[in-house]
C-alpha atoms as a PDB file:
ATOM      1  CA  MET A   1      10.198 -59.664  50.247  1.00  0.00           C
ATOM      2  CA  PHE A   2       7.415 -58.925  47.589  1.00  0.00           C
ATOM      3  CA  ARG A   3       5.488 -56.246  49.652  1.00  0.00           C
ATOM      4  CA  SER A   4       8.466 -53.777  50.589  1.00  0.00           C
ATOM      5  CA  ILE A   5       9.922 -54.123  47.186  1.00  0.00           C
ATOM      6  CA  VAL A   6       6.747 -52.388  45.970  1.00  0.00           C
ATOM      7  CA  GLN A   7       6.482 -49.414  48.611  1.00  0.00           C
ATOM      8  CA  ILE A   8      10.183 -48.576  47.455  1.00  0.00           C
ATOM      9  CA  SER A   9       9.112 -48.573  44.285  1.00  0.00           C
ATOM     10  CA  LEU A  10       6.149 -46.329  45.549  1.00  0.00           C
ATOM     11  CA  GLY A  11       8.232 -44.065  47.283  1.00  0.00           C
ATOM     12  CA  MET A  12      10.658 -43.691  44.184  1.00  0.00           C
ATOM     13  CA  LEU A  13       7.832 -42.985  42.221  1.00  0.00           C
ATOM     14  CA  VAL A  14       6.384 -40.291  44.118  1.00  0.00           C
ATOM     15  CA  GLY A  15       9.767 -38.710  44.843  1.00  0.00           C
ATOM     16  CA  VAL A  16      10.326 -38.611  40.662  1.00  0.00           C
ATOM     17  CA  LEU A  17       6.948 -37.029  40.112  1.00  0.00           C
ATOM     18  CA  THR A  18       7.286 -34.563  42.680  1.00  0.00           C
ATOM     19  CA  LEU A  19      10.691 -33.607  40.948  1.00  0.00           C
ATOM     20  CA  GLY A  20       9.094 -33.647  37.788  1.00  0.00           C
ATOM     21  CA  ALA A  21       6.323 -31.276  38.741  1.00  0.00           C
ATOM     22  CA  MET A  22       8.686 -28.599  39.877  1.00  0.00           C
ATOM     23  CA  THR A  23      11.147 -29.114  37.014  1.00  0.00           C
ATOM     24  CA  LEU A  24       7.811 -28.630  34.837  1.00  0.00           C
ATOM     25  CA  ALA A  25       6.819 -25.241  36.826  1.00  0.00           C
ATOM     26  CA  GLY A  26      10.299 -23.579  36.821  1.00  0.00           C
ATOM     27  CA  CYS A  27      10.031 -24.323  33.547  1.00  0.00           C
ATOM     28  CA  SER A  28       7.017 -23.010  32.369  1.00  0.00           C
ATOM     29  CA  LYS A  29       7.721 -19.667  34.487  1.00  0.00           C
ATOM     30  CA  GLY A  30      10.851 -19.204  32.836  1.00  0.00           C
ATOM     31  CA  ASP A  31       9.317 -19.511  29.299  1.00  0.00           C
ATOM     32  CA  THR A  32       6.084 -17.039  30.647  1.00  0.00           C
ATOM     33  CA  GLY A  33       8.238 -13.998  32.552  1.00  0.00           C
ATOM     34  CA  ASP A  34      11.533 -14.028  29.935  1.00  0.00           C
ATOM     35  CA  ALA A  35       9.167 -14.088  26.696  1.00  0.00           C
ATOM     36  CA  GLY A  36       9.555 -10.177  26.513  1.00  0.00           C
ATOM     37  CA  ASN A  37      13.415 -10.042  27.171  1.00  0.00           C
ATOM     38  CA  ASN A  38      14.894 -12.980  25.509  1.00  0.00           C
ATOM     39  CA  SER A  39      13.035 -13.975  22.766  1.00  0.00           C
ATOM     40  CA  GLY A  40      13.244 -11.331  19.478  1.00  0.00           C
ATOM     41  CA  PRO A  41      10.612  -9.713  18.124  1.00  0.00           C
ATOM     42  CA  GLY A  42       8.070 -12.555  16.093  1.00  0.00           C
ATOM     43  CA  THR A  43       9.959 -15.613  18.280  1.00  0.00           C
ATOM     44  CA  GLN A  44       7.267 -16.107  20.440  1.00  0.00           C
ATOM     45  CA  PHE A  45       5.936 -19.705  20.559  1.00  0.00           C
ATOM     46  CA  VAL A  46       2.151 -18.862  20.824  1.00  0.00           C
ATOM     47  CA  SER A  47       0.108 -15.844  20.845  1.00  0.00           C
ATOM     48  CA  ASP A  48      -3.211 -16.170  21.684  1.00  0.00           C
ATOM     49  CA  GLY A  49      -5.356 -14.227  19.525  1.00  0.00           C
ATOM     50  CA  GLY A  50      -7.607 -13.683  22.750  1.00  0.00           C
ATOM     51  CA  ALA A  51      -4.424 -12.706  24.859  1.00  0.00           C
ATOM     52  CA  GLY A  52      -4.039  -9.071  22.783  1.00  0.00           C
ATOM     53  CA  ALA A  53      -2.441 -10.470  19.340  1.00  0.00           C
ATOM     54  CA  THR A  54      -3.593  -9.080  16.218  1.00  0.00           C
ATOM     55  CA  LEU A  55      -3.839  -9.921  12.680  1.00  0.00           C
ATOM     56  CA  GLU A  56      -5.345  -7.009  10.930  1.00  0.00           C
ATOM     57  CA  ILE A  57      -5.645  -6.319   6.519  1.00  0.00           C
ATOM     58  CA  THR A  58      -4.941  -3.568   4.682  1.00  0.00           C
ATOM     59  CA  VAL A  59      -6.238  -2.775   1.317  1.00  0.00           C
ATOM     60  CA  VAL A  60      -4.283  -0.253  -0.660  1.00  0.00           C
ATOM     61  CA  GLY A  61      -6.662   2.752  -1.780  1.00  0.00           C
ATOM     62  CA  GLY A  62      -9.415   1.367  -0.007  1.00  0.00           C
ATOM     63  CA  ASN A  63     -11.914  -0.765   0.015  1.00  0.00           C
ATOM     64  CA  ARG A  64     -13.707   0.048  -3.495  1.00  0.00           C
ATOM     65  CA  LEU A  65     -12.630  -1.324  -6.823  1.00  0.00           C
ATOM     66  CA  ALA A  66     -13.605  -1.202 -10.360  1.00  0.00           C
ATOM     67  CA  THR A  67     -14.924  -4.117 -12.017  1.00  0.00           C
ATOM     68  CA  GLY A  68     -11.937  -6.008 -13.481  1.00  0.00           C
ATOM     69  CA  SER A  69      -9.149  -4.055 -11.225  1.00  0.00           C
ATOM     70  CA  THR A  70      -6.710  -5.332  -9.334  1.00  0.00           C
ATOM     71  CA  THR A  71      -4.858  -4.061  -5.738  1.00  0.00           C
ATOM     72  CA  GLY A  72      -2.525  -4.819  -3.279  1.00  0.00           C
ATOM     73  CA  PHE A  73      -3.645  -5.405   0.344  1.00  0.00           C
ATOM     74  CA  PHE A  74      -1.043  -6.301   3.478  1.00  0.00           C
ATOM     75  CA  VAL A  75      -1.503  -8.349   6.588  1.00  0.00           C
ATOM     76  CA  GLU A  76      -0.235  -7.644   9.813  1.00  0.00           C
ATOM     77  CA  ALA A  77       0.221  -9.982  12.403  1.00  0.00           C
ATOM     78  CA  ARG A  78       1.472  -8.368  16.370  1.00  0.00           C
ATOM     79  CA  ASP A  79       2.389  -9.782  19.065  1.00  0.00           C
ATOM     80  CA  PRO A  80       0.085  -8.832  22.347  1.00  0.00           C
ATOM     81  CA  SER A  81       2.968  -6.125  22.858  1.00  0.00           C
ATOM     82  CA  GLY A  82       3.021  -4.985  18.998  1.00  0.00           C
ATOM     83  CA  LEU A  83       5.986  -6.779  18.342  1.00  0.00           C
ATOM     84  CA  ALA A  84       6.117  -8.537  14.363  1.00  0.00           C
ATOM     85  CA  LEU A  85       5.015 -11.706  14.643  1.00  0.00           C
ATOM     86  CA  ALA A  86       8.310 -12.895  12.161  1.00  0.00           C
ATOM     87  CA  PHE A  87       7.643 -15.976   9.746  1.00  0.00           C
ATOM     88  CA  ILE A  88       4.446 -17.552  10.683  1.00  0.00           C
ATOM     89  CA  GLN A  89       2.103 -19.271   7.901  1.00  0.00           C
ATOM     90  CA  ILE A  90      -0.589 -16.992   6.850  1.00  0.00           C
ATOM     91  CA  PHE A  91      -3.820 -18.563   4.652  1.00  0.00           C
ATOM     92  CA  CYS A  92      -6.535 -16.508   2.844  1.00  0.00           C
ATOM     93  CA  GLU A  93      -9.505 -16.934   1.347  1.00  0.00           C
ATOM     94  CA  SER A  94     -12.476 -14.884  -0.425  1.00  0.00           C
ATOM     95  CA  GLU A  95     -16.233 -15.009  -1.611  1.00  0.00           C
ATOM     96  CA  HIS A  96     -16.386 -15.245  -5.166  1.00  0.00           C
ATOM     97  CA  GLY A  97     -16.276 -12.182  -6.627  1.00  0.00           C
ATOM     98  CA  ILE A  98     -12.434 -11.476  -5.211  1.00  0.00           C
ATOM     99  CA  ALA A  99      -9.531 -13.261  -6.516  1.00  0.00           C
ATOM    100  CA  ILE A 100      -6.201 -13.633  -4.950  1.00  0.00           C
ATOM    101  CA  ILE A 101      -4.004 -12.809  -7.595  1.00  0.00           C
ATOM    102  CA  GLU A 102      -0.704 -13.811  -4.983  1.00  0.00           C
ATOM    103  CA  PRO A 103      -0.056 -15.435  -3.050  1.00  0.00           C
ATOM    104  CA  SER A 104      -1.732 -18.191  -5.435  1.00  0.00           C
ATOM    105  CA  SER A 105      -0.254 -21.840  -5.235  1.00  0.00           C
ATOM    106  CA  GLY A 106      -2.630 -24.502  -6.721  1.00  0.00           C
ATOM    107  CA  GLY A 107      -5.716 -22.564  -6.232  1.00  0.00           C
ATOM    108  CA  VAL A 108      -4.936 -22.104  -2.684  1.00  0.00           C
ATOM    109  CA  ALA A 109      -3.431 -18.602  -1.016  1.00  0.00           C
ATOM    110  CA  PHE A 110      -0.478 -19.402   2.197  1.00  0.00           C
ATOM    111  CA  GLU A 111       2.312 -17.094   2.889  1.00  0.00           C
ATOM    112  CA  MET A 112       4.575 -16.561   5.774  1.00  0.00           C
ATOM    113  CA  THR A 113       5.273 -12.876   7.269  1.00  0.00           C
ATOM    114  CA  GLY A 114       8.569 -11.726   6.771  1.00  0.00           C
ATOM    115  CA  GLU A 115      10.818 -10.385   9.666  1.00  0.00           C
ATOM    116  CA  ASP A 116       8.218  -7.380   9.957  1.00  0.00           C
ATOM    117  CA  GLY A 117       4.992  -9.654  10.506  1.00  0.00           C
ATOM    118  CA  ASN A 118       4.050  -8.314   7.225  1.00  0.00           C
ATOM    119  CA  MET A 119       2.686 -10.561   4.317  1.00  0.00           C
ATOM    120  CA  SER A 120       1.517  -8.783   1.081  1.00  0.00           C
ATOM    121  CA  GLY A 121      -0.460  -9.759  -1.882  1.00  0.00           C
ATOM    122  CA  VAL A 122      -2.277  -8.927  -4.729  1.00  0.00           C
ATOM    123  CA  ILE A 123      -6.386  -9.125  -5.640  1.00  0.00           C
ATOM    124  CA  GLY A 124      -8.791  -8.673  -8.643  1.00  0.00           C
ATOM    125  CA  ALA A 125     -12.272  -7.344  -8.708  1.00  0.00           C
ATOM    126  CA  VAL A 126     -14.234 -10.460 -10.768  1.00  0.00           C
ATOM    127  CA  THR A 127     -17.750  -9.053 -10.650  1.00  0.00           C
ATOM    128  CA  PRO A 128     -19.676  -6.156  -9.380  1.00  0.00           C
ATOM    129  CA  GLY A 129     -20.919  -6.712  -5.335  1.00  0.00           C
ATOM    130  CA  SER A 130     -19.458  -7.136  -1.857  1.00  0.00           C
ATOM    131  CA  PHE A 131     -17.420  -9.211  -0.942  1.00  0.00           C
ATOM    132  CA  VAL A 132     -15.703 -10.737   2.094  1.00  0.00           C
ATOM    133  CA  LEU A 133     -11.744 -11.215   2.327  1.00  0.00           C
ATOM    134  CA  GLN A 134     -10.798 -13.146   5.470  1.00  0.00           C
ATOM    135  CA  CYS A 135      -6.802 -14.017   6.589  1.00  0.00           C
ATOM    136  CA  GLU A 136      -5.550 -15.975   9.142  1.00  0.00           C
ATOM    137  CA  ALA A 137      -2.815 -17.229  10.789  1.00  0.00           C
ATOM    138  CA  ASN A 138      -1.799 -21.305  11.528  1.00  0.00           C
ATOM    139  CA  ASN A 139      -3.351 -23.003  14.204  1.00  0.00           C
ATOM    140  CA  GLY A 140      -2.469 -22.358  17.365  1.00  0.00           C
ATOM    141  CA  PHE A 141      -2.363 -18.278  16.860  1.00  0.00           C
ATOM    142  CA  GLY A 142      -5.725 -18.057  17.290  1.00  0.00           C
ATOM    143  CA  LEU A 143      -6.108 -15.023  14.606  1.00  0.00           C
ATOM    144  CA  VAL A 144      -8.020 -14.093  12.117  1.00  0.00           C
ATOM    145  CA  ASP A 145      -8.966 -10.791   9.882  1.00  0.00           C
ATOM    146  CA  ARG A 146     -11.735 -10.154   7.319  1.00  0.00           C
ATOM    147  CA  VAL A 147     -12.816  -6.883   5.199  1.00  0.00           C
ATOM    148  CA  THR A 148     -15.008  -6.540   3.127  1.00  0.00           C
ATOM    149  CA  ILE A 149     -14.273  -5.214  -0.478  1.00  0.00           C
ATOM    150  CA  VAL A 150     -17.107  -3.126  -2.783  1.00  0.00           C
ATOM    151  CA  ASN A 151     -16.630  -4.169  -6.452  1.00  0.00           C
ATOM    152  CA  GLU A 152     -18.245  -1.569  -8.439  1.00  0.00           C
ATOM    153  CA  GLY A 153     -19.258  -1.059 -12.214  1.00  0.00           C
ATOM    154  CA  ASP A 154     -19.394  -3.299 -14.818  1.00  0.00           C
ATOM    155  CA  ALA A 155     -16.754  -5.771 -16.071  1.00  0.00           C
ATOM    156  CA  PRO A 156     -14.581  -3.909 -19.215  1.00  0.00           C
ATOM    157  CA  ALA A 157     -14.822  -5.216 -22.666  1.00  0.00           C
ATOM    158  CA  GLY A 158     -13.616  -8.565 -23.319  1.00  0.00           C
ATOM    159  CA  PHE A 159     -12.307  -9.444 -19.333  1.00  0.00           C
ATOM    160  CA  ALA A 160     -11.899 -13.012 -18.994  1.00  0.00           C
ATOM    161  CA  GLY A 161     -10.901 -12.770 -14.820  1.00  0.00           C
ATOM    162  CA  PHE A 162      -8.204 -13.740 -13.327  1.00  0.00           C
ATOM    163  CA  PRO A 163      -6.756 -17.385 -14.277  1.00  0.00           C
ATOM    164  CA  GLY A 164      -4.684 -19.345 -11.855  1.00  0.00           C
ATOM    165  CA  ALA A 165      -5.908 -17.089  -9.029  1.00  0.00           C
ATOM    166  CA  ALA A 166      -6.503 -18.353  -5.966  1.00  0.00           C
ATOM    167  CA  GLY A 167     -10.216 -17.536  -3.883  1.00  0.00           C
ATOM    168  CA  GLY A 168     -13.820 -17.618  -4.040  1.00  0.00           C
ATOM    169  CA  ASN A 169     -14.405 -20.565  -1.635  1.00  0.00           C
ATOM    170  CA  LEU A 170     -15.956 -18.564   1.209  1.00  0.00           C
ATOM    171  CA  GLY A 171     -19.444 -18.111  -0.450  1.00  0.00           C
ATOM    172  CA  GLY A 172     -21.150 -16.318  -3.114  1.00  0.00           C
ATOM    173  CA  GLY A 173     -21.050 -12.980  -1.702  1.00  0.00           C
ATOM    174  CA  VAL A 174     -24.106 -10.334  -1.889  1.00  0.00           C
ATOM    175  CA  ILE A 175     -24.684  -8.031  -4.971  1.00  0.00           C
ATOM    176  CA  ILE A 176     -24.934  -4.068  -3.019  1.00  0.00           C
ATOM    177  CA  GLU A 177     -26.761  -2.654  -5.898  1.00  0.00           C
ATOM    178  CA  ASP A 178     -29.627  -1.970  -4.420  1.00  0.00           C
ATOM    179  CA  PRO A 179     -32.499  -0.058  -7.359  1.00  0.00           C
ATOM    180  CA  THR A 180     -34.406   1.808  -4.593  1.00  0.00           C
ATOM    181  CA  ASN A 181     -31.302   4.355  -4.308  1.00  0.00           C
ATOM    182  CA  GLU A 182     -29.416   4.815  -7.603  1.00  0.00           C
ATOM    183  CA  ALA A 183     -29.666   7.733 -10.043  1.00  0.00           C
ATOM    184  CA  ALA A 184     -27.290   7.762 -12.757  1.00  0.00           C
ATOM    185  CA  VAL A 185     -26.324   9.002 -16.304  1.00  0.00           C
ATOM    186  CA  SER A 186     -27.883   6.712 -18.543  1.00  0.00           C
ATOM    187  CA  GLU A 187     -27.116   8.215 -21.684  1.00  0.00           C
ATOM    188  CA  PHE A 188     -24.683  10.615 -23.076  1.00  0.00           C
ATOM    189  CA  THR A 189     -23.775  12.190 -26.765  1.00  0.00           C
ATOM    190  CA  PHE A 190     -23.433  15.565 -28.757  1.00  0.00           C
ATOM    191  CA  VAL A 191     -26.039  16.533 -30.964  1.00  0.00           C
ATOM    192  CA  ARG A 192     -25.819  18.197 -34.240  1.00  0.00           C
ATOM    193  CA  ASN A 193     -28.199  19.433 -36.312  1.00  0.00           C
ATOM    194  CA  GLY A 194     -30.997  17.093 -34.640  1.00  0.00           C
ATOM    195  CA  GLU A 195     -28.904  14.077 -34.960  1.00  0.00           C
ATOM    196  CA  ALA A 196     -26.581  12.378 -32.281  1.00  0.00           C
ATOM    197  CA  VAL A 197     -22.412  13.021 -33.495  1.00  0.00           C
ATOM    198  CA  THR A 198     -19.223  12.017 -32.448  1.00  0.00           C
ATOM    199  CA  THR A 199     -17.805  15.144 -32.971  1.00  0.00           C
ATOM    200  CA  LEU A 200     -17.755  18.612 -32.220  1.00  0.00           C
ATOM    201  CA  ASP A 201     -16.808  20.483 -35.872  1.00  0.00           C
ATOM    202  CA  THR A 202     -15.408  24.168 -34.894  1.00  0.00           C
ATOM    203  CA  GLU A 203     -15.420  24.927 -38.781  1.00  0.00           C
ATOM    204  CA  ARG A 204     -17.587  25.443 -41.675  1.00  0.00           C
ATOM    205  CA  GLY A 205     -16.203  23.995 -45.137  1.00  0.00           C
ATOM    206  CA  LEU A 206     -16.533  22.668 -48.120  1.00  0.00           C
ATOM    207  CA  CYS A 207     -16.994  19.420 -49.586  1.00  0.00           C
ATOM    208  CA  LEU A 208     -15.555  17.889 -52.691  1.00  0.00           C
ATOM    209  CA  ASN A 209     -17.329  14.917 -54.239  1.00  0.00           C
ATOM    210  CA  SER A 210     -16.052  12.056 -56.503  1.00  0.00           C
ATOM    211  CA  ASP A 211     -17.350  14.177 -59.393  1.00  0.00           C
ATOM    212  CA  GLY A 212     -14.941  17.113 -58.501  1.00  0.00           C
ATOM    213  CA  GLY A 213     -18.099  19.328 -57.626  1.00  0.00           C
ATOM    214  CA  CYS A 214     -18.190  21.407 -53.937  1.00  0.00           C
ATOM    215  CA  THR A 215     -21.077  21.615 -51.586  1.00  0.00           C
ATOM    216  CA  VAL A 216     -20.952  23.811 -48.199  1.00  0.00           C
ATOM    217  CA  GLU A 217     -20.323  21.390 -45.240  1.00  0.00           C
ATOM    218  CA  PRO A 218     -23.486  21.318 -43.102  1.00  0.00           C
ATOM    219  CA  PHE A 219     -22.638  22.854 -39.677  1.00  0.00           C
ATOM    220  CA  GLY A 220     -24.494  23.517 -36.878  1.00  0.00           C
ATOM    221  CA  ALA A 221     -23.732  24.287 -32.570  1.00  0.00           C
ATOM    222  CA  THR A 222     -23.048  21.301 -30.878  1.00  0.00           C
ATOM    223  CA  SER A 223     -25.079  20.456 -27.916  1.00  0.00           C
ATOM    224  CA  TRP A 224     -24.906  18.007 -25.306  1.00  0.00           C
ATOM    225  CA  SER A 225     -27.572  15.384 -24.347  1.00  0.00           C
ATOM    226  CA  ILE A 226     -27.728  13.464 -21.119  1.00  0.00           C
ATOM    227  CA  THR A 227     -30.745  11.492 -19.813  1.00  0.00           C
ATOM    228  CA  ILE A 228     -30.733  10.931 -16.248  1.00  0.00           C
ATOM    229  CA  THR A 229     -32.874   7.589 -14.969  1.00  0.00           C
ATOM    230  CA  ASN A 230     -34.377   7.931 -11.170  1.00  0.00           C
ATOM    231  CA  THR A 231     -34.929   4.549  -9.747  1.00  0.00           C
ATOM    232  CA  THR A 232     -34.405   6.471  -5.871  1.00  0.00           C
ATOM    233  CA  THR A 233     -37.936   6.257  -4.372  1.00  0.00           C
ATOM    234  CA  ARG A 234     -37.189  10.508  -4.077  1.00  0.00           C
ATOM    235  CA  GLN A 235     -37.977  13.676  -6.597  1.00  0.00           C
ATOM    236  CA  ILE A 236     -35.249  14.778  -8.222  1.00  0.00           C
ATOM    237  CA  THR A 237     -35.530  18.707  -8.383  1.00  0.00           C
ATOM    238  CA  SER A 238     -32.439  20.153  -9.914  1.00  0.00           C
ATOM    239  CA  ALA A 239     -29.370  19.034 -11.711  1.00  0.00           C
ATOM    240  CA  THR A 240     -25.253  20.788 -12.533  1.00  0.00           C
ATOM    241  CA  ILE A 241     -24.267  19.452 -15.009  1.00  0.00           C
ATOM    242  CA  SER A 242     -20.107  19.717 -15.615  1.00  0.00           C
ATOM    243  CA  PHE A 243     -17.118  18.272 -18.378  1.00  0.00           C
ATOM    244  CA  THR A 244     -13.659  17.578 -17.686  1.00  0.00           C
ATOM    245  CA  ILE A 245     -12.235  17.149 -21.460  1.00  0.00           C
ATOM    246  CA  GLY A 246      -8.871  15.536 -21.876  1.00  0.00           C
ATOM    247  CA  GLY A 247      -8.431  16.354 -18.210  1.00  0.00           C
ATOM    248  CA  THR A 248      -9.351  19.871 -17.757  1.00  0.00           C
ATOM    249  CA  ALA A 249     -12.009  20.622 -15.999  1.00  0.00           C
ATOM    250  CA  SER A 250     -15.318  22.088 -16.046  1.00  0.00           C
ATOM    251  CA  THR A 251     -13.766  23.103 -19.633  1.00  0.00           C
ATOM    252  CA  ALA A 252     -17.887  23.325 -20.931  1.00  0.00           C
ATOM    253  CA  GLY A 253     -19.319  24.733 -18.025  1.00  0.00           C
ATOM    254  CA  PRO A 254     -21.375  23.955 -15.167  1.00  0.00           C
ATOM    255  CA  PHE A 255     -24.661  24.387 -16.630  1.00  0.00           C
ATOM    256  CA  SER A 256     -27.354  24.313 -14.011  1.00  0.00           C
ATOM    257  CA  ASP A 257     -30.726  23.638 -14.443  1.00  0.00           C
ATOM    258  CA  THR A 258     -34.283  23.287 -12.623  1.00  0.00           C
ATOM    259  CA  ILE A 259     -35.461  19.513 -13.741  1.00  0.00           C
ATOM    260  CA  SER A 260     -38.386  17.447 -12.019  1.00  0.00           C
ATOM    261  CA  ILE A 261     -37.571  13.474 -12.408  1.00  0.00           C
ATOM    262  CA  THR A 262     -40.543  11.333 -10.450  1.00  0.00           C
ATOM    263  CA  SER A 263     -39.405   8.298  -8.776  1.00  0.00           C
ATOM    264  CA  GLY A 264     -38.772   5.206 -11.488  1.00  0.00           C
ATOM    265  CA  GLY A 265     -38.592   8.117 -14.318  1.00  0.00           C
ATOM    266  CA  SER A 266     -36.145   9.771 -16.308  1.00  0.00           C
ATOM    267  CA  ALA A 267     -35.594  12.655 -18.497  1.00  0.00           C
ATOM    268  CA  THR A 268     -33.116  13.976 -21.377  1.00  0.00           C
ATOM    269  CA  ILE A 269     -31.812  16.945 -20.330  1.00  0.00           C
ATOM    270  CA  THR A 270     -29.434  19.422 -23.446  1.00  0.00           C
ATOM    271  CA  GLY A 271     -27.419  22.077 -23.807  1.00  0.00           C
ATOM    272  CA  PRO A 272     -24.944  24.180 -25.962  1.00  0.00           C
ATOM    273  CA  MET A 273     -21.660  23.015 -26.074  1.00  0.00           C
ATOM    274  CA  SER A 274     -20.304  25.059 -28.668  1.00  0.00           C
ATOM    275  CA  GLY A 275     -21.280  27.502 -31.619  1.00  0.00           C
ATOM    276  CA  GLY A 276     -17.711  27.263 -33.382  1.00  0.00           C
ATOM    277  CA  THR A 277     -14.426  27.449 -31.767  1.00  0.00           C
ATOM    278  CA  THR A 278     -14.944  28.289 -27.770  1.00  0.00           C
ATOM    279  CA  PHE A 279     -17.071  26.658 -25.862  1.00  0.00           C
ATOM    280  CA  ALA A 280     -19.945  27.096 -24.893  1.00  0.00           C
ATOM    281  CA  ILE A 281     -20.410  29.863 -21.340  1.00  0.00           C
ATOM    282  CA  THR A 282     -16.918  30.047 -20.420  1.00  0.00           C
ATOM    283  CA  GLY A 283     -15.530  31.027 -23.995  1.00  0.00           C
ATOM    284  CA  ASP A 284     -12.791  28.856 -23.801  1.00  0.00           C
ATOM    285  CA  PRO A 285     -11.093  27.750 -26.856  1.00  0.00           C
ATOM    286  CA  VAL A 286     -11.673  24.524 -28.503  1.00  0.00           C
ATOM    287  CA  PRO A 287      -8.686  21.974 -28.437  1.00  0.00           C
ATOM    288  CA  THR A 288      -8.097  19.606 -31.760  1.00  0.00           C
ATOM    289  CA  GLY A 289      -7.563  15.669 -31.369  1.00  0.00           C
ATOM    290  CA  THR A 290      -9.691  12.880 -29.852  1.00  0.00           C
ATOM    291  CA  PHE A 291     -10.393  13.225 -26.073  1.00  0.00           C
ATOM    292  CA  PRO A 292     -11.999  11.342 -23.732  1.00  0.00           C
ATOM    293  CA  THR A 293     -14.909  13.366 -21.555  1.00  0.00           C
ATOM    294  CA  THR A 294     -16.670  13.140 -18.638  1.00  0.00           C
ATOM    295  CA  VAL A 295     -19.782  14.032 -17.673  1.00  0.00           C
ATOM    296  CA  THR A 296     -20.698  14.648 -13.628  1.00  0.00           C
ATOM    297  CA  VAL A 297     -24.237  15.295 -12.955  1.00  0.00           C
ATOM    298  CA  SER A 298     -24.770  16.410  -9.427  1.00  0.00           C
ATOM    299  CA  LEU A 299     -28.628  15.526  -8.667  1.00  0.00           C
ATOM    300  CA  THR A 300     -30.449  17.582  -5.829  1.00  0.00           C
ATOM    301  CA  PHE A 301     -33.258  15.500  -4.039  1.00  0.00           C
ATOM    302  CA  ASP A 302     -36.626  16.474  -2.971  1.00  0.00           C
ATOM    303  CA  ASP A 303     -36.063  15.906   0.626  1.00  0.00           C
ATOM    304  CA  GLY A 304     -32.557  18.455   0.171  1.00  0.00           C
ATOM    305  CA  SER A 305     -29.736  14.986  -0.425  1.00  0.00           C
ATOM    306  CA  SER A 306     -28.015  15.294  -3.045  1.00  0.00           C
ATOM    307  CA  ILE A 307     -25.550  12.309  -5.279  1.00  0.00           C
ATOM    308  CA  SER A 308     -23.448  12.414  -8.403  1.00  0.00           C
ATOM    309  CA  ASP A 309     -22.958  10.133 -10.745  1.00  0.00           C
ATOM    310  CA  SER A 310     -20.665  10.024 -13.670  1.00  0.00           C
ATOM    311  CA  THR A 311     -20.011   8.474 -17.652  1.00  0.00           C
ATOM    312  CA  THR A 312     -17.247   9.054 -19.893  1.00  0.00           C
ATOM    313  CA  ARG A 313     -17.397   8.651 -23.563  1.00  0.00           C
ATOM    314  CA  THR A 314     -14.910   9.812 -25.787  1.00  0.00           C
ATOM    315  CA  PHE A 315     -15.010  12.421 -28.689  1.00  0.00           C
ATOM    316  CA  THR A 316     -13.064  14.090 -32.184  1.00  0.00           C
ATOM    317  CA  TYR A 317     -12.518  17.786 -31.679  1.00  0.00           C
ATOM    318  CA  GLY A 318     -11.673  20.548 -34.005  1.00  0.00           C
ATOM    319  CA  PRO A 319     -12.196  21.149 -37.662  1.00  0.00           C
ATOM    320  CA  VAL A 320     -13.441  17.670 -38.177  1.00  0.00           C
ATOM    321  CA  ASN A 321     -15.131  16.438 -42.079  1.00  0.00           C
ATOM    322  CA  SER A 322     -18.744  16.468 -41.541  1.00  0.00           C
ATOM    323  CA  CYS A 323     -19.711  16.047 -44.674  1.00  0.00           C
ATOM    324  CA  ALA A 324     -21.392  13.079 -46.377  1.00  0.00           C
ATOM    325  CA  SER A 325     -19.568   9.556 -46.765  1.00  0.00           C
ATOM    326  CA  GLY A 326     -17.358   9.247 -49.957  1.00  0.00           C
ATOM    327  CA  GLU A 327     -16.484  13.109 -49.826  1.00  0.00           C
ATOM    328  CA  SER A 328     -13.286  15.388 -48.156  1.00  0.00           C
ATOM    329  CA  LEU A 329     -12.812  18.353 -46.638  1.00  0.00           C
ATOM    330  CA  ALA A 330     -11.796  20.865 -49.737  1.00  0.00           C
ATOM    331  CA  THR A 331     -10.131  24.477 -50.024  1.00  0.00           C
ATOM    332  CA  VAL A 332     -11.731  27.188 -51.557  1.00  0.00           C
ATOM    333  CA  ALA A 333      -9.404  27.634 -54.251  1.00  0.00           C
ATOM    334  CA  GLN A 334     -10.047  23.320 -55.061  1.00  0.00           C
ATOM    335  CA  CYS A 335     -13.364  24.416 -55.923  1.00  0.00           C
ATOM    336  CA  THR A 336     -13.083  27.345 -58.098  1.00  0.00           C
ATOM    337  CA  PRO A 337     -13.341  26.849 -61.213  1.00  0.00           C
END
């Protein structure tokens, strides 16, 4: 009796298992075959990165940032057919040097894609160097992307980073400045009467002192002076210098010169800026006011290669007061007994 019951039970069990296997096979076939027709964009259950789905990071404005600045970025998630992977969780992390300002929740950067399969955010450049930004989809998608972001230039005065931002947990990053491949403007100023000045005086006037007496205002042609430092392994053989004053390019130039700066050396070059109300060489009128002034130097090396560098300072242009401290500009009438 017992033996007969066991045989029947085993037979029923085999039938159930066979039916279950057929049912599972049918479900599997239906899911795979109909996914492209019955599922809307981004509703696929699993998209394996190895099967053709993609995740891509795009940095707004390119992958080079000024230290202390911010920019946006986008993460695009697509299935193997190129359709949007909507409402999936994206996690982002970075090397130290890139702050993830948004999204950031308790120092962790995660956010869902929208219906278009995209997630957006904001990053900040903390320190100069080359750093990795990485974003990945949640478990099961097998999707990850990484981009390298280069932060350039020194941090602005008073810059304190981006408090509350996420990121910085992938490692220390790599500083990119290579001292064997740099040539740069290390100093830029105006010179008048043998002294560095921050003004370009266009008129010679009279100076009224506290005793009521007058003297002639010190006056002379204003020159530019730049110092170029060469830390490359090559020799600099020539330079072309141009200026941008208040947004107007090449107002006072350009100037070209044959120079020789050996590897590891530096040189100071000077040239005429103005002798009065017009710029040297171009003859353009000197504007009146205080303007940011950018000098751009294009350098040529002995191997024929070239490099450019720029730096900016602010100068005041016009009939500025070059009188001694405590003296004011005066009219002829004020100085006539």
